[in-house]
PDB file of N, CA and C in Angstrom:
ATOM      1  N   MET A   1      59.874 -29.291 196.463  1.00  0.00           N
ATOM      2  CA  MET A   1      58.553 -28.880 196.886  1.00  0.00           C
ATOM      3  C   MET A   1      58.267 -27.487 196.348  1.00  0.00           C
ATOM      4  N   THR A   2      57.066 -27.274 195.940  1.00  0.00           N
ATOM      5  CA  THR A   2      56.657 -25.984 195.417  1.00  0.00           C
ATOM      6  C   THR A   2      55.989 -25.183 196.520  1.00  0.00           C
ATOM      7  N   ASN A   3      56.514 -23.995 196.789  1.00  0.00           N
ATOM      8  CA  ASN A   3      55.845 -23.075 197.703  1.00  0.00           C
ATOM      9  C   ASN A   3      54.925 -22.233 196.855  1.00  0.00           C
ATOM     10  N   SER A   4      53.670 -22.164 197.213  1.00  0.00           N
ATOM     11  CA  SER A   4      52.755 -21.389 196.383  1.00  0.00           C
ATOM     12  C   SER A   4      51.836 -20.552 197.230  1.00  0.00           C
ATOM     13  N   LYS A   5      51.363 -19.479 196.606  1.00  0.00           N
ATOM     14  CA  LYS A   5      50.382 -18.602 197.202  1.00  0.00           C
ATOM     15  C   LYS A   5      49.315 -18.403 196.142  1.00  0.00           C
ATOM     16  N   ASN A   6      48.127 -18.900 196.405  1.00  0.00           N
ATOM     17  CA  ASN A   6      47.044 -18.721 195.455  1.00  0.00           C
ATOM     18  C   ASN A   6      46.323 -17.416 195.729  1.00  0.00           C
ATOM     19  N   LYS A   7      46.206 -16.592 194.734  1.00  0.00           N
ATOM     20  CA  LYS A   7      45.428 -15.349 194.804  1.00  0.00           C
ATOM     21  C   LYS A   7      44.304 -15.501 193.774  1.00  0.00           C
ATOM     22  N   GLY A   8      43.261 -16.259 194.134  1.00  0.00           N
ATOM     23  CA  GLY A   8      42.219 -16.553 193.172  1.00  0.00           C
ATOM     24  C   GLY A   8      42.793 -17.520 192.154  1.00  0.00           C
ATOM     25  N   ASP A   9      42.817 -17.114 190.892  1.00  0.00           N
ATOM     26  CA  ASP A   9      43.383 -17.939 189.831  1.00  0.00           C
ATOM     27  C   ASP A   9      44.851 -17.614 189.588  1.00  0.00           C
ATOM     28  N   PHE A  10      45.436 -16.754 190.386  1.00  0.00           N
ATOM     29  CA  PHE A  10      46.836 -16.359 190.205  1.00  0.00           C
ATOM     30  C   PHE A  10      47.718 -17.239 191.077  1.00  0.00           C
ATOM     31  N   LEU A  11      48.829 -17.727 190.510  1.00  0.00           N
ATOM     32  CA  LEU A  11      49.720 -18.638 191.218  1.00  0.00           C
ATOM     33  C   LEU A  11      51.109 -18.036 191.325  1.00  0.00           C
ATOM     34  N   VAL A  12      51.694 -18.112 192.516  1.00  0.00           N
ATOM     35  CA  VAL A  12      53.073 -17.680 192.746  1.00  0.00           C
ATOM     36  C   VAL A  12      53.820 -18.884 193.297  1.00  0.00           C
ATOM     37  N   VAL A  13      54.874 -19.326 192.595  1.00  0.00           N
ATOM     38  CA  VAL A  13      55.641 -20.489 193.032  1.00  0.00           C
ATOM     39  C   VAL A  13      57.135 -20.180 193.013  1.00  0.00           C
ATOM     40  N   THR A  14      57.873 -20.935 193.815  1.00  0.00           N
ATOM     41  CA  THR A  14      59.329 -20.760 193.855  1.00  0.00           C
ATOM     42  C   THR A  14      60.037 -21.692 192.877  1.00  0.00           C
ATOM     43  N   THR A  15      59.289 -22.526 192.178  1.00  0.00           N
ATOM     44  CA  THR A  15      59.864 -23.422 191.178  1.00  0.00           C
ATOM     45  C   THR A  15      59.805 -22.769 189.800  1.00  0.00           C
ATOM     46  N   ASN A  16      60.474 -23.393 188.820  1.00  0.00           N
ATOM     47  CA  ASN A  16      60.443 -22.826 187.464  1.00  0.00           C
ATOM     48  C   ASN A  16      59.448 -23.557 186.563  1.00  0.00           C
ATOM     49  N   TYR A  17      58.550 -24.333 187.161  1.00  0.00           N
ATOM     50  CA  TYR A  17      57.489 -25.001 186.426  1.00  0.00           C
ATOM     51  C   TYR A  17      56.328 -25.280 187.379  1.00  0.00           C
ATOM     52  N   VAL A  18      55.179 -25.617 186.801  1.00  0.00           N
ATOM     53  CA  VAL A  18      54.020 -26.016 187.592  1.00  0.00           C
ATOM     54  C   VAL A  18      53.591 -27.376 187.063  1.00  0.00           C
ATOM     55  N   PRO A  19      53.660 -28.425 187.885  1.00  0.00           N
ATOM     56  CA  PRO A  19      53.279 -29.754 187.424  1.00  0.00           C
ATOM     57  C   PRO A  19      51.873 -29.765 186.825  1.00  0.00           C
ATOM     58  N   GLY A  20      51.731 -30.417 185.683  1.00  0.00           N
ATOM     59  CA  GLY A  20      50.439 -30.521 185.027  1.00  0.00           C
ATOM     60  C   GLY A  20      50.050 -29.295 184.219  1.00  0.00           C
ATOM     61  N   SER A  21      50.966 -28.333 184.093  1.00  0.00           N
ATOM     62  CA  SER A  21      50.693 -27.110 183.333  1.00  0.00           C
ATOM     63  C   SER A  21      51.801 -26.879 182.307  1.00  0.00           C
ATOM     64  N   ARG A  22      51.476 -26.066 181.337  1.00  0.00           N
ATOM     65  CA  ARG A  22      52.510 -25.663 180.384  1.00  0.00           C
ATOM     66  C   ARG A  22      52.500 -24.154 180.248  1.00  0.00           C
ATOM     67  N   ILE A  23      53.674 -23.611 179.971  1.00  0.00           N
ATOM     68  CA  ILE A  23      53.815 -22.162 179.782  1.00  0.00           C
ATOM     69  C   ILE A  23      53.440 -21.844 178.342  1.00  0.00           C
ATOM     70  N   THR A  24      52.477 -20.950 178.164  1.00  0.00           N
ATOM     71  CA  THR A  24      52.080 -20.550 176.819  1.00  0.00           C
ATOM     72  C   THR A  24      52.709 -19.223 176.411  1.00  0.00           C
ATOM     73  N   SER A  25      53.128 -18.435 177.415  1.00  0.00           N
ATOM     74  CA  SER A  25      53.741 -17.141 177.126  1.00  0.00           C
ATOM     75  C   SER A  25      54.592 -16.700 178.315  1.00  0.00           C
ATOM     76  N   VAL A  26      55.771 -16.177 178.011  1.00  0.00           N
ATOM     77  CA  VAL A  26      56.625 -15.601 179.048  1.00  0.00           C
ATOM     78  C   VAL A  26      56.486 -14.091 178.975  1.00  0.00           C
ATOM     79  N   ILE A  27      55.986 -13.498 180.039  1.00  0.00           N
ATOM     80  CA  ILE A  27      55.802 -12.046 180.097  1.00  0.00           C
ATOM     81  C   ILE A  27      57.139 -11.369 180.398  1.00  0.00           C
ATOM     82  N   GLY A  28      57.898 -11.935 181.330  1.00  0.00           N
ATOM     83  CA  GLY A  28      59.200 -11.382 181.695  1.00  0.00           C
ATOM     84  C   GLY A  28      59.309 -11.100 183.169  1.00  0.00           C
ATOM     85  N   PRO A  29      60.387 -10.430 183.565  1.00  0.00           N
ATOM     86  CA  PRO A  29      60.606 -10.162 184.992  1.00  0.00           C
ATOM     87  C   PRO A  29      59.524  -9.256 185.569  1.00  0.00           C
ATOM     88  N   VAL A  30      59.100  -9.598 186.780  1.00  0.00           N
ATOM     89  CA  VAL A  30      58.149  -8.768 187.518  1.00  0.00           C
ATOM     90  C   VAL A  30      58.666  -8.639 188.941  1.00  0.00           C
ATOM     91  N   PHE A  31      58.357  -7.536 189.576  1.00  0.00           N
ATOM     92  CA  PHE A  31      58.818  -7.343 190.946  1.00  0.00           C
ATOM     93  C   PHE A  31      57.858  -6.471 191.726  1.00  0.00           C
ATOM     94  N   GLY A  32      57.965  -6.578 193.035  1.00  0.00           N
ATOM     95  CA  GLY A  32      57.239  -5.709 193.960  1.00  0.00           C
ATOM     96  C   GLY A  32      58.237  -5.264 195.002  1.00  0.00           C
ATOM     97  N   ILE A  33      58.237  -3.992 195.310  1.00  0.00           N
ATOM     98  CA  ILE A  33      59.217  -3.445 196.249  1.00  0.00           C
ATOM     99  C   ILE A  33      58.513  -2.643 197.326  1.00  0.00           C
ATOM    100  N   ILE A  34      59.051  -2.724 198.535  1.00  0.00           N
ATOM    101  CA  ILE A  34      58.535  -1.928 199.638  1.00  0.00           C
ATOM    102  C   ILE A  34      59.714  -1.529 200.519  1.00  0.00           C
ATOM    103  N   VAL A  35      59.663  -0.319 201.044  1.00  0.00           N
ATOM    104  CA  VAL A  35      60.679   0.164 201.985  1.00  0.00           C
ATOM    105  C   VAL A  35      59.965   0.452 203.292  1.00  0.00           C
ATOM    106  N   ARG A  36      60.484  -0.116 204.370  1.00  0.00           N
ATOM    107  CA  ARG A  36      59.837   0.009 205.670  1.00  0.00           C
ATOM    108  C   ARG A  36      60.804   0.531 206.721  1.00  0.00           C
ATOM    109  N   SER A  37      60.245   1.182 207.730  1.00  0.00           N
ATOM    110  CA  SER A  37      60.996   1.615 208.903  1.00  0.00           C
ATOM    111  C   SER A  37      60.120   1.375 210.118  1.00  0.00           C
ATOM    112  N   ARG A  38      60.708   1.030 211.221  1.00  0.00           N
ATOM    113  CA  ARG A  38      59.956   0.798 212.452  1.00  0.00           C
ATOM    114  C   ARG A  38      59.499   2.100 213.089  1.00  0.00           C
ATOM    115  N   GLY A  39      60.182   3.185 212.832  1.00  0.00           N
ATOM    116  CA  GLY A  39      59.874   4.426 213.527  1.00  0.00           C
ATOM    117  C   GLY A  39      60.709   4.512 214.789  1.00  0.00           C
ATOM    118  N   LEU A  40      60.829   5.680 215.341  1.00  0.00           N
ATOM    119  CA  LEU A  40      61.699   5.924 216.484  1.00  0.00           C
ATOM    120  C   LEU A  40      61.347   5.055 217.690  1.00  0.00           C
ATOM    121  N   GLY A  41      60.072   5.009 218.067  1.00  0.00           N
ATOM    122  CA  GLY A  41      59.657   4.221 219.232  1.00  0.00           C
ATOM    123  C   GLY A  41      59.973   2.744 219.052  1.00  0.00           C
ATOM    124  N   GLY A  42      59.651   2.213 217.874  1.00  0.00           N
ATOM    125  CA  GLY A  42      59.925   0.800 217.600  1.00  0.00           C
ATOM    126  C   GLY A  42      61.404   0.493 217.595  1.00  0.00           C
ATOM    127  N   ASN A  43      62.202   1.417 217.062  1.00  0.00           N
ATOM    128  CA  ASN A  43      63.649   1.209 217.047  1.00  0.00           C
ATOM    129  C   ASN A  43      64.241   1.231 218.450  1.00  0.00           C
ATOM    130  N   ILE A  44      63.715   2.083 219.308  1.00  0.00           N
ATOM    131  CA  ILE A  44      64.209   2.140 220.689  1.00  0.00           C
ATOM    132  C   ILE A  44      63.898   0.828 221.412  1.00  0.00           C
ATOM    133  N   VAL A  45      62.647   0.353 221.294  1.00  0.00           N
ATOM    134  CA  VAL A  45      62.255  -0.904 221.932  1.00  0.00           C
ATOM    135  C   VAL A  45      63.088  -2.055 221.384  1.00  0.00           C
ATOM    136  N   ALA A  46      63.244  -2.108 220.049  1.00  0.00           N
ATOM    137  CA  ALA A  46      64.033  -3.177 219.430  1.00  0.00           C
ATOM    138  C   ALA A  46      65.491  -3.096 219.860  1.00  0.00           C
ATOM    139  N   GLY A  47      66.025  -1.886 219.982  1.00  0.00           N
ATOM    140  CA  GLY A  47      67.405  -1.709 220.428  1.00  0.00           C
ATOM    141  C   GLY A  47      67.614  -2.218 221.839  1.00  0.00           C
ATOM    142  N   LEU A  48      66.648  -1.948 222.703  1.00  0.00           N
ATOM    143  CA  LEU A  48      66.734  -2.447 224.078  1.00  0.00           C
ATOM    144  C   LEU A  48      66.660  -3.976 224.117  1.00  0.00           C
ATOM    145  N   ARG A  49      65.795  -4.548 223.298  1.00  0.00           N
ATOM    146  CA  ARG A  49      65.704  -6.013 223.241  1.00  0.00           C
ATOM    147  C   ARG A  49      66.986  -6.605 222.681  1.00  0.00           C
ATOM    148  N   GLY A  50      67.616  -5.890 221.763  1.00  0.00           N
ATOM    149  CA  GLY A  50      68.870  -6.349 221.166  1.00  0.00           C
ATOM    150  C   GLY A  50      69.991  -6.447 222.187  1.00  0.00           C
ATOM    151  N   LEU A  51      69.938  -5.619 223.208  1.00  0.00           N
ATOM    152  CA  LEU A  51      70.955  -5.674 224.267  1.00  0.00           C
ATOM    153  C   LEU A  51      70.873  -6.976 225.053  1.00  0.00           C
ATOM    154  N   VAL A  52      69.655  -7.490 225.211  1.00  0.00           N
ATOM    155  CA  VAL A  52      69.436  -8.709 225.982  1.00  0.00           C
ATOM    156  C   VAL A  52      69.720  -9.949 225.134  1.00  0.00           C
ATOM    157  N   GLY A  53      69.488  -9.854 223.833  1.00  0.00           N
ATOM    158  CA  GLY A  53      69.672 -10.996 222.938  1.00  0.00           C
ATOM    159  C   GLY A  53      68.351 -11.674 222.632  1.00  0.00           C
ATOM    160  N   GLY A  54      68.360 -12.545 221.647  1.00  0.00           N
ATOM    161  CA  GLY A  54      67.160 -13.279 221.260  1.00  0.00           C
ATOM    162  C   GLY A  54      66.447 -12.603 220.103  1.00  0.00           C
ATOM    163  N   GLU A  55      65.290 -13.142 219.772  1.00  0.00           N
ATOM    164  CA  GLU A  55      64.511 -12.629 218.649  1.00  0.00           C
ATOM    165  C   GLU A  55      63.950 -11.254 218.971  1.00  0.00           C
ATOM    166  N   ILE A  56      63.971 -10.381 217.980  1.00  0.00           N
ATOM    167  CA  ILE A  56      63.397  -9.045 218.124  1.00  0.00           C
ATOM    168  C   ILE A  56      62.066  -9.051 217.374  1.00  0.00           C
ATOM    169  N   ASP A  57      60.999  -9.294 218.128  1.00  0.00           N
ATOM    170  CA  ASP A  57      59.667  -9.489 217.555  1.00  0.00           C
ATOM    171  C   ASP A  57      59.226  -8.328 216.670  1.00  0.00           C
ATOM    172  N   GLU A  58      59.569  -7.092 217.065  1.00  0.00           N
ATOM    173  CA  GLU A  58      59.139  -5.915 216.299  1.00  0.00           C
ATOM    174  C   GLU A  58      59.673  -5.969 214.868  1.00  0.00           C
ATOM    175  N   TYR A  59      60.923  -6.384 214.700  1.00  0.00           N
ATOM    176  CA  TYR A  59      61.509  -6.464 213.356  1.00  0.00           C
ATOM    177  C   TYR A  59      61.014  -7.685 212.597  1.00  0.00           C
ATOM    178  N   THR A  60      60.802  -8.786 213.297  1.00  0.00           N
ATOM    179  CA  THR A  60      60.262  -9.983 212.639  1.00  0.00           C
ATOM    180  C   THR A  60      58.896  -9.677 212.043  1.00  0.00           C
ATOM    181  N   GLU A  61      58.045  -9.026 212.822  1.00  0.00           N
ATOM    182  CA  GLU A  61      56.713  -8.663 212.346  1.00  0.00           C
ATOM    183  C   GLU A  61      56.796  -7.700 211.165  1.00  0.00           C
ATOM    184  N   MET A  62      57.669  -6.695 211.265  1.00  0.00           N
ATOM    185  CA  MET A  62      57.810  -5.715 210.191  1.00  0.00           C
ATOM    186  C   MET A  62      58.259  -6.392 208.894  1.00  0.00           C
ATOM    187  N   LEU A  63      59.233  -7.286 208.971  1.00  0.00           N
ATOM    188  CA  LEU A  63      59.745  -7.941 207.767  1.00  0.00           C
ATOM    189  C   LEU A  63      58.738  -8.926 207.184  1.00  0.00           C
ATOM    190  N   THR A  64      57.981  -9.599 208.047  1.00  0.00           N
ATOM    191  CA  THR A  64      56.936 -10.501 207.563  1.00  0.00           C
ATOM    192  C   THR A  64      55.883  -9.723 206.781  1.00  0.00           C
ATOM    193  N   GLU A  65      55.447  -8.598 207.337  1.00  0.00           N
ATOM    194  CA  GLU A  65      54.464  -7.754 206.637  1.00  0.00           C
ATOM    195  C   GLU A  65      55.047  -7.188 205.344  1.00  0.00           C
ATOM    196  N   ALA A  66      56.307  -6.791 205.372  1.00  0.00           N
ATOM    197  CA  ALA A  66      56.949  -6.239 204.174  1.00  0.00           C
ATOM    198  C   ALA A  66      57.002  -7.279 203.064  1.00  0.00           C
ATOM    199  N   ARG A  67      57.313  -8.523 203.396  1.00  0.00           N
ATOM    200  CA  ARG A  67      57.338  -9.584 202.380  1.00  0.00           C
ATOM    201  C   ARG A  67      55.958  -9.795 201.770  1.00  0.00           C
ATOM    202  N   GLU A  68      54.929  -9.811 202.617  1.00  0.00           N
ATOM    203  CA  GLU A  68      53.561  -9.981 202.109  1.00  0.00           C
ATOM    204  C   GLU A  68      53.181  -8.838 201.161  1.00  0.00           C
ATOM    205  N   HIS A  69      53.515  -7.598 201.539  1.00  0.00           N
ATOM    206  CA  HIS A  69      53.214  -6.452 200.673  1.00  0.00           C
ATOM    207  C   HIS A  69      54.014  -6.521 199.374  1.00  0.00           C
ATOM    208  N   ALA A  70      55.269  -6.954 199.443  1.00  0.00           N
ATOM    209  CA  ALA A  70      56.094  -7.068 198.237  1.00  0.00           C
ATOM    210  C   ALA A  70      55.506  -8.115 197.296  1.00  0.00           C
ATOM    211  N   ILE A  71      55.035  -9.250 197.831  1.00  0.00           N
ATOM    212  CA  ILE A  71      54.397 -10.273 196.993  1.00  0.00           C
ATOM    213  C   ILE A  71      53.133  -9.709 196.359  1.00  0.00           C
ATOM    214  N   GLN A  72      52.340  -8.981 197.146  1.00  0.00           N
ATOM    215  CA  GLN A  72      51.101  -8.399 196.627  1.00  0.00           C
ATOM    216  C   GLN A  72      51.408  -7.433 195.474  1.00  0.00           C
ATOM    217  N   ARG A  73      52.404  -6.579 195.637  1.00  0.00           N
ATOM    218  CA  ARG A  73      52.758  -5.628 194.580  1.00  0.00           C
ATOM    219  C   ARG A  73      53.297  -6.337 193.343  1.00  0.00           C
ATOM    220  N   MET A  74      54.104  -7.391 193.539  1.00  0.00           N
ATOM    221  CA  MET A  74      54.620  -8.156 192.411  1.00  0.00           C
ATOM    222  C   MET A  74      53.468  -8.814 191.648  1.00  0.00           C
ATOM    223  N   THR A  75      52.520  -9.387 192.400  1.00  0.00           N
ATOM    224  CA  THR A  75      51.367 -10.039 191.786  1.00  0.00           C
ATOM    225  C   THR A  75      50.544  -9.041 190.972  1.00  0.00           C
ATOM    226  N   GLU A  76      50.321  -7.855 191.527  1.00  0.00           N
ATOM    227  CA  GLU A  76      49.562  -6.825 190.812  1.00  0.00           C
ATOM    228  C   GLU A  76      50.276  -6.420 189.525  1.00  0.00           C
ATOM    229  N   GLU A  77      51.605  -6.246 189.589  1.00  0.00           N
ATOM    230  CA  GLU A  77      52.366  -5.890 188.384  1.00  0.00           C
ATOM    231  C   GLU A  77      52.259  -6.995 187.340  1.00  0.00           C
ATOM    232  N   ALA A  78      52.382  -8.243 187.780  1.00  0.00           N
ATOM    233  CA  ALA A  78      52.300  -9.369 186.845  1.00  0.00           C
ATOM    234  C   ALA A  78      50.926  -9.437 186.181  1.00  0.00           C
ATOM    235  N   GLN A  79      49.874  -9.260 186.970  1.00  0.00           N
ATOM    236  CA  GLN A  79      48.523  -9.290 186.414  1.00  0.00           C
ATOM    237  C   GLN A  79      48.304  -8.165 185.408  1.00  0.00           C
ATOM    238  N   LYS A  80      48.810  -6.964 185.715  1.00  0.00           N
ATOM    239  CA  LYS A  80      48.684  -5.843 184.775  1.00  0.00           C
ATOM    240  C   LYS A  80      49.405  -6.129 183.462  1.00  0.00           C
ATOM    241  N   SER A  81      50.446  -6.960 183.531  1.00  0.00           N
ATOM    242  CA  SER A  81      51.221  -7.308 182.336  1.00  0.00           C
ATOM    243  C   SER A  81      50.592  -8.457 181.564  1.00  0.00           C
ATOM    244  N   GLY A  82      49.538  -9.058 182.107  1.00  0.00           N
ATOM    245  CA  GLY A  82      48.847 -10.146 181.418  1.00  0.00           C
ATOM    246  C   GLY A  82      49.215 -11.537 181.905  1.00  0.00           C
ATOM    247  N   ALA A  83      50.030 -11.649 182.942  1.00  0.00           N
ATOM    248  CA  ALA A  83      50.426 -12.961 183.464  1.00  0.00           C
ATOM    249  C   ALA A  83      49.332 -13.533 184.355  1.00  0.00           C
ATOM    250  N   ASN A  84      49.298 -14.863 184.464  1.00  0.00           N
ATOM    251  CA  ASN A  84      48.406 -15.505 185.429  1.00  0.00           C
ATOM    252  C   ASN A  84      49.199 -16.326 186.450  1.00  0.00           C
ATOM    253  N   ALA A  85      50.546 -16.183 186.395  1.00  0.00           N
ATOM    254  CA  ALA A  85      51.405 -16.870 187.361  1.00  0.00           C
ATOM    255  C   ALA A  85      52.770 -16.191 187.402  1.00  0.00           C
ATOM    256  N   VAL A  86      53.458 -16.381 188.529  1.00  0.00           N
ATOM    257  CA  VAL A  86      54.854 -15.965 188.650  1.00  0.00           C
ATOM    258  C   VAL A  86      55.647 -17.206 189.031  1.00  0.00           C
ATOM    259  N   LEU A  87      56.651 -17.507 188.231  1.00  0.00           N
ATOM    260  CA  LEU A  87      57.524 -18.634 188.498  1.00  0.00           C
ATOM    261  C   LEU A  87      58.841 -18.156 189.098  1.00  0.00           C
ATOM    262  N   ASP A  88      59.510 -19.048 189.797  1.00  0.00           N
ATOM    263  CA  ASP A  88      60.845 -18.803 190.347  1.00  0.00           C
ATOM    264  C   ASP A  88      60.882 -17.546 191.224  1.00  0.00           C
ATOM    265  N   MET A  89      59.838 -17.381 192.074  1.00  0.00           N
ATOM    266  CA  MET A  89      59.744 -16.204 192.936  1.00  0.00           C
ATOM    267  C   MET A  89      60.826 -16.251 194.007  1.00  0.00           C
ATOM    268  N   ARG A  90      61.445 -15.098 194.244  1.00  0.00           N
ATOM    269  CA  ARG A  90      62.495 -14.958 195.250  1.00  0.00           C
ATOM    270  C   ARG A  90      62.310 -13.639 195.993  1.00  0.00           C
ATOM    271  N   PHE A  91      63.028 -13.515 197.123  1.00  0.00           N
ATOM    272  CA  PHE A  91      63.079 -12.275 197.881  1.00  0.00           C
ATOM    273  C   PHE A  91      64.505 -11.760 197.895  1.00  0.00           C
ATOM    274  N   ASP A  92      64.623 -10.460 198.007  1.00  0.00           N
ATOM    275  CA  ASP A  92      65.909  -9.818 198.262  1.00  0.00           C
ATOM    276  C   ASP A  92      65.619  -8.692 199.241  1.00  0.00           C
ATOM    277  N   SER A  93      66.601  -8.366 200.066  1.00  0.00           N
ATOM    278  CA  SER A  93      66.403  -7.260 200.995  1.00  0.00           C
ATOM    279  C   SER A  93      67.727  -6.563 201.238  1.00  0.00           C
ATOM    280  N   ALA A  94      67.627  -5.316 201.632  1.00  0.00           N
ATOM    281  CA  ALA A  94      68.817  -4.518 201.919  1.00  0.00           C
ATOM    282  C   ALA A  94      68.432  -3.432 202.907  1.00  0.00           C
ATOM    283  N   ASP A  95      69.417  -2.996 203.667  1.00  0.00           N
ATOM    284  CA  ASP A  95      69.211  -1.867 204.573  1.00  0.00           C
ATOM    285  C   ASP A  95      69.503  -0.575 203.833  1.00  0.00           C
ATOM    286  N   ILE A  96      68.709   0.431 204.124  1.00  0.00           N
ATOM    287  CA  ILE A  96      68.934   1.766 203.587  1.00  0.00           C
ATOM    288  C   ILE A  96      69.213   2.651 204.790  1.00  0.00           C
ATOM    289  N   GLY A  97      70.427   3.115 204.877  1.00  0.00           N
ATOM    290  CA  GLY A  97      70.816   3.832 206.088  1.00  0.00           C
ATOM    291  C   GLY A  97      70.773   2.851 207.243  1.00  0.00           C
ATOM    292  N   GLN A  98      70.428   3.326 208.408  1.00  0.00           N
ATOM    293  CA  GLN A  98      70.351   2.435 209.562  1.00  0.00           C
ATOM    294  C   GLN A  98      68.927   2.292 210.087  1.00  0.00           C
ATOM    295  N   VAL A  99      67.961   2.880 209.384  1.00  0.00           N
ATOM    296  CA  VAL A  99      66.598   2.856 209.910  1.00  0.00           C
ATOM    297  C   VAL A  99      65.565   2.280 208.939  1.00  0.00           C
ATOM    298  N   MET A 100      65.965   1.996 207.703  1.00  0.00           N
ATOM    299  CA  MET A 100      65.005   1.507 206.715  1.00  0.00           C
ATOM    300  C   MET A 100      65.480   0.194 206.116  1.00  0.00           C
ATOM    301  N   THR A 101      64.515  -0.633 205.729  1.00  0.00           N
ATOM    302  CA  THR A 101      64.797  -1.896 205.070  1.00  0.00           C
ATOM    303  C   THR A 101      63.973  -1.976 203.797  1.00  0.00           C
ATOM    304  N   GLU A 102      64.639  -2.351 202.712  1.00  0.00           N
ATOM    305  CA  GLU A 102      63.987  -2.549 201.428  1.00  0.00           C
ATOM    306  C   GLU A 102      63.774  -4.047 201.249  1.00  0.00           C
ATOM    307  N   VAL A 103      62.568  -4.435 200.859  1.00  0.00           N
ATOM    308  CA  VAL A 103      62.267  -5.827 200.561  1.00  0.00           C
ATOM    309  C   VAL A 103      61.713  -5.882 199.142  1.00  0.00           C
ATOM    310  N   VAL A 104      62.262  -6.795 198.343  1.00  0.00           N
ATOM    311  CA  VAL A 104      61.834  -6.967 196.958  1.00  0.00           C
ATOM    312  C   VAL A 104      61.413  -8.419 196.751  1.00  0.00           C
ATOM    313  N   ALA A 105      60.249  -8.621 196.167  1.00  0.00           N
ATOM    314  CA  ALA A 105      59.812  -9.935 195.698  1.00  0.00           C
ATOM    315  C   ALA A 105      59.905  -9.882 194.178  1.00  0.00           C
ATOM    316  N   TYR A 106      60.529 -10.897 193.571  1.00  0.00           N
ATOM    317  CA  TYR A 106      60.667 -10.882 192.123  1.00  0.00           C
ATOM    318  C   TYR A 106      60.588 -12.287 191.550  1.00  0.00           C
ATOM    319  N   GLY A 107      60.254 -12.361 190.285  1.00  0.00           N
ATOM    320  CA  GLY A 107      60.153 -13.641 189.595  1.00  0.00           C
ATOM    321  C   GLY A 107      59.869 -13.403 188.131  1.00  0.00           C
ATOM    322  N   THR A 108      59.464 -14.463 187.440  1.00  0.00           N
ATOM    323  CA  THR A 108      59.154 -14.384 186.018  1.00  0.00           C
ATOM    324  C   THR A 108      57.651 -14.506 185.834  1.00  0.00           C
ATOM    325  N   GLY A 109      57.056 -13.470 185.260  1.00  0.00           N
ATOM    326  CA  GLY A 109      55.634 -13.494 184.959  1.00  0.00           C
ATOM    327  C   GLY A 109      55.394 -14.347 183.726  1.00  0.00           C
ATOM    328  N   VAL A 110      54.421 -15.258 183.807  1.00  0.00           N
ATOM    329  CA  VAL A 110      54.111 -16.154 182.697  1.00  0.00           C
ATOM    330  C   VAL A 110      52.607 -16.341 182.583  1.00  0.00           C
ATOM    331  N   VAL A 111      52.204 -16.872 181.438  1.00  0.00           N
ATOM    332  CA  VAL A 111      50.838 -17.346 181.247  1.00  0.00           C
ATOM    333  C   VAL A 111      50.950 -18.860 181.176  1.00  0.00           C
ATOM    334  N   ILE A 112      50.214 -19.539 182.065  1.00  0.00           N
ATOM    335  CA  ILE A 112      50.214 -20.999 182.065  1.00  0.00           C
ATOM    336  C   ILE A 112      48.804 -21.503 181.843  1.00  0.00           C
ATOM    337  N   GLU A 113      48.717 -22.749 181.372  1.00  0.00           N
ATOM    338  CA  GLU A 113      47.420 -23.400 181.244  1.00  0.00           C
ATOM    339  C   GLU A 113      47.596 -24.874 181.565  1.00  0.00           C
ATOM    340  N   LYS A 114      46.508 -25.494 181.991  1.00  0.00           N
ATOM    341  CA  LYS A 114      46.539 -26.922 182.281  1.00  0.00           C
ATOM    342  C   LYS A 114      46.932 -27.676 181.015  1.00  0.00           C
ATOM    343  N   ASP A 115      47.759 -28.698 181.181  1.00  0.00           N
ATOM    344  CA  ASP A 115      48.189 -29.536 180.066  1.00  0.00           C
ATOM    345  C   ASP A 115      47.691 -30.948 180.336  1.00  0.00           C
ATOM    346  N   ALA A 116      46.634 -31.342 179.633  1.00  0.00           N
ATOM    347  CA  ALA A 116      46.014 -32.641 179.861  1.00  0.00           C
ATOM    348  C   ALA A 116      46.964 -33.797 179.543  1.00  0.00           C
ATOM    349  N   SER A 117      47.990 -33.548 178.724  1.00  0.00           N
ATOM    350  CA  SER A 117      48.903 -34.623 178.355  1.00  0.00           C
ATOM    351  C   SER A 117      49.969 -34.886 179.430  1.00  0.00           C
ATOM    352  N   LYS A 118      50.049 -34.029 180.438  1.00  0.00           N
ATOM    353  CA  LYS A 118      51.035 -34.200 181.514  1.00  0.00           C
ATOM    354  C   LYS A 118      50.351 -34.672 182.782  1.00  0.00           C
ATOM    355  N   ALA A 119      51.012 -35.559 183.468  1.00  0.00           N
ATOM    356  CA  ALA A 119      50.483 -36.046 184.747  1.00  0.00           C
ATOM    357  C   ALA A 119      50.704 -34.989 185.831  1.00  0.00           C
ATOM    358  N   ASP A 120      49.813 -34.932 186.803  1.00  0.00           N
ATOM    359  CA  ASP A 120      49.963 -33.990 187.906  1.00  0.00           C
ATOM    360  C   ASP A 120      51.023 -34.436 188.902  1.00  0.00           C
ATOM    361  N   ALA A 121      51.338 -35.720 188.922  1.00  0.00           N
ATOM    362  CA  ALA A 121      52.299 -36.231 189.887  1.00  0.00           C
ATOM    363  C   ALA A 121      53.725 -35.880 189.449  1.00  0.00           C
ATOM    364  N   VAL A 122      54.562 -35.595 190.416  1.00  0.00           N
ATOM    365  CA  VAL A 122      55.972 -35.311 190.169  1.00  0.00           C
ATOM    366  C   VAL A 122      56.792 -36.362 190.878  1.00  0.00           C
ATOM    367  N   SER A 123      57.726 -36.965 190.154  1.00  0.00           N
ATOM    368  CA  SER A 123      58.580 -37.987 190.742  1.00  0.00           C
ATOM    369  C   SER A 123      60.029 -37.551 190.653  1.00  0.00           C
ATOM    370  N   LEU A 124      60.785 -37.779 191.701  1.00  0.00           N
ATOM    371  CA  LEU A 124      62.193 -37.432 191.705  1.00  0.00           C
ATOM    372  C   LEU A 124      63.060 -38.642 191.404  1.00  0.00           C
ATOM    373  N   ARG A 125      62.475 -39.719 190.967  1.00  0.00           N
ATOM    374  CA  ARG A 125      63.239 -40.934 190.636  1.00  0.00           C
ATOM    375  C   ARG A 125      63.701 -40.922 189.216  1.00  0.00           C
TER     376      ARG A 125
END
């Protein structure tokens, strides 16, 4: 299954192809990076919730927003490079110290176009 995010005519997918399209140019690696921290108050609340166990909503929300911003930055970089799609998009993350988290969205920037000779259907048989 292809996970995609349409930004107008810009496509971001986790696959290395787009059914019914062909790659006309490979731009190369593109990425978007963001470093986030909850701040002292958020860390205290999250720390207290961590003592009880279960999901820590403050961090879930922060990481969800960080991923969205990382995708947005990656998309902007790809567009500036002349790409109209990013293939094989992935995330990576790491802690910086004990209060910051780095989130990176990365993939391969490409130029794709519809290929009338290819069917839109994908079969795994």
